[in-house]
Amino acid sequence: MRLRAAPFVPAHDVMRGAMHGAQTLLGFAFMLAVMTFQASYIITMVLGLGIGEMLFGRYGAGAAMMH
């Protein structure tokens, strides 16, 4: 059985690429913030990421289950 890639759909793939770029930008920004060694920044980021995953992470999990 040969695996094939899904067709390129500009309406979906351009947005997915933009979201990936935004996620990468945030990752680098978080890395630079952690490198400041200010505990308040680190604690705030960890809490914010945890709360965001709790509130919105289920949407990504549901999309993966649909495929």
C-alpha atoms as a PDB file:
ATOM      1  CA  MET A   1       0.000   0.000   0.000  1.00  0.00           C
ATOM      2  CA  ARG A   2       1.436   3.320  -1.037  1.00  0.00           C
ATOM      3  CA  LEU A   3       0.830   6.367   1.129  1.00  0.00           C
ATOM      4  CA  ARG A   4      -0.121   9.586  -0.586  1.00  0.00           C
ATOM      5  CA  ALA A   5      -0.033  13.144   0.660  1.00  0.00           C
ATOM      6  CA  ALA A   6      -3.257  15.092   0.914  1.00  0.00           C
ATOM      7  CA  PRO A   7      -3.846  17.524  -1.960  1.00  0.00           C
ATOM      8  CA  PHE A   8      -2.726  21.122  -1.553  1.00  0.00           C
ATOM      9  CA  VAL A   9      -5.729  23.267  -0.618  1.00  0.00           C
ATOM     10  CA  PRO A  10      -4.654  26.936  -0.463  1.00  0.00           C
ATOM     11  CA  ALA A  11      -7.484  27.958   1.867  1.00  0.00           C
ATOM     12  CA  HIS A  12      -6.324  25.411   4.449  1.00  0.00           C
ATOM     13  CA  ASP A  13      -2.597  25.142   3.860  1.00  0.00           C
ATOM     14  CA  VAL A  14      -1.815  28.872   3.810  1.00  0.00           C
ATOM     15  CA  MET A  15      -3.583  29.351   7.149  1.00  0.00           C
ATOM     16  CA  ARG A  16      -1.850  26.278   8.590  1.00  0.00           C
ATOM     17  CA  GLY A  17       1.511  27.667   7.458  1.00  0.00           C
ATOM     18  CA  ALA A  18       0.756  31.063   9.006  1.00  0.00           C
ATOM     19  CA  MET A  19      -0.268  29.433  12.282  1.00  0.00           C
ATOM     20  CA  HIS A  20       2.920  27.361  12.315  1.00  0.00           C
ATOM     21  CA  GLY A  21       4.959  30.524  11.754  1.00  0.00           C
ATOM     22  CA  ALA A  22       3.137  32.284  14.601  1.00  0.00           C
ATOM     23  CA  GLN A  23       3.719  29.291  16.887  1.00  0.00           C
ATOM     24  CA  THR A  24       7.426  29.307  16.038  1.00  0.00           C
ATOM     25  CA  LEU A  25       7.641  33.058  16.661  1.00  0.00           C
ATOM     26  CA  LEU A  26       6.009  32.623  20.073  1.00  0.00           C
ATOM     27  CA  GLY A  27       8.373  29.762  20.866  1.00  0.00           C
ATOM     28  CA  PHE A  28      11.400  31.935  20.163  1.00  0.00           C
ATOM     29  CA  ALA A  29       9.892  34.830  22.135  1.00  0.00           C
ATOM     30  CA  PHE A  30       9.285  32.509  25.103  1.00  0.00           C
ATOM     31  CA  MET A  31      12.845  31.206  24.859  1.00  0.00           C
ATOM     32  CA  LEU A  32      14.228  34.747  24.939  1.00  0.00           C
ATOM     33  CA  ALA A  33      11.972  35.634  27.879  1.00  0.00           C
ATOM     34  CA  VAL A  34      13.222  32.593  29.822  1.00  0.00           C
ATOM     35  CA  MET A  35      16.798  33.599  29.054  1.00  0.00           C
ATOM     36  CA  THR A  36      16.217  36.816  31.031  1.00  0.00           C
ATOM     37  CA  PHE A  37      16.157  34.575  34.160  1.00  0.00           C
ATOM     38  CA  GLN A  38      13.278  36.534  35.684  1.00  0.00           C
ATOM     39  CA  ALA A  39      11.199  34.104  37.690  1.00  0.00           C
ATOM     40  CA  SER A  40       8.015  36.145  37.298  1.00  0.00           C
ATOM     41  CA  TYR A  41       8.206  35.859  33.476  1.00  0.00           C
ATOM     42  CA  ILE A  42       8.853  32.136  33.641  1.00  0.00           C
ATOM     43  CA  ILE A  43       6.043  31.447  36.118  1.00  0.00           C
ATOM     44  CA  THR A  44       3.606  33.591  34.130  1.00  0.00           C
ATOM     45  CA  MET A  45       4.476  31.818  30.875  1.00  0.00           C
ATOM     46  CA  VAL A  46       4.151  28.348  32.391  1.00  0.00           C
ATOM     47  CA  LEU A  47       0.795  29.210  33.963  1.00  0.00           C
ATOM     48  CA  GLY A  48      -0.453  30.840  30.756  1.00  0.00           C
ATOM     49  CA  LEU A  49       0.583  27.905  28.592  1.00  0.00           C
ATOM     50  CA  GLY A  50      -0.998  25.453  31.025  1.00  0.00           C
ATOM     51  CA  ILE A  51      -4.281  27.365  31.194  1.00  0.00           C
ATOM     52  CA  GLY A  52      -4.322  27.827  27.414  1.00  0.00           C
ATOM     53  CA  GLU A  53      -3.793  24.096  26.875  1.00  0.00           C
ATOM     54  CA  MET A  54      -6.536  23.306  29.374  1.00  0.00           C
ATOM     55  CA  LEU A  55      -9.007  25.666  27.676  1.00  0.00           C
ATOM     56  CA  PHE A  56      -8.108  25.272  23.997  1.00  0.00           C
ATOM     57  CA  GLY A  57      -6.009  22.095  23.687  1.00  0.00           C
ATOM     58  CA  ARG A  58      -9.074  19.921  23.269  1.00  0.00           C
ATOM     59  CA  TYR A  59      -9.793  21.529  19.889  1.00  0.00           C
ATOM     60  CA  GLY A  60      -6.529  20.215  18.461  1.00  0.00           C
ATOM     61  CA  ALA A  61      -7.120  16.787  19.999  1.00  0.00           C
ATOM     62  CA  GLY A  62     -10.608  16.618  18.496  1.00  0.00           C
ATOM     63  CA  ALA A  63      -9.327  17.527  15.044  1.00  0.00           C
ATOM     64  CA  ALA A  64      -6.739  14.742  15.204  1.00  0.00           C
ATOM     65  CA  MET A  65      -9.417  12.244  16.178  1.00  0.00           C
ATOM     66  CA  MET A  66     -11.570  13.189  13.173  1.00  0.00           C
ATOM     67  CA  HIS A  67      -8.964  11.991  10.665  1.00  0.00           C
END
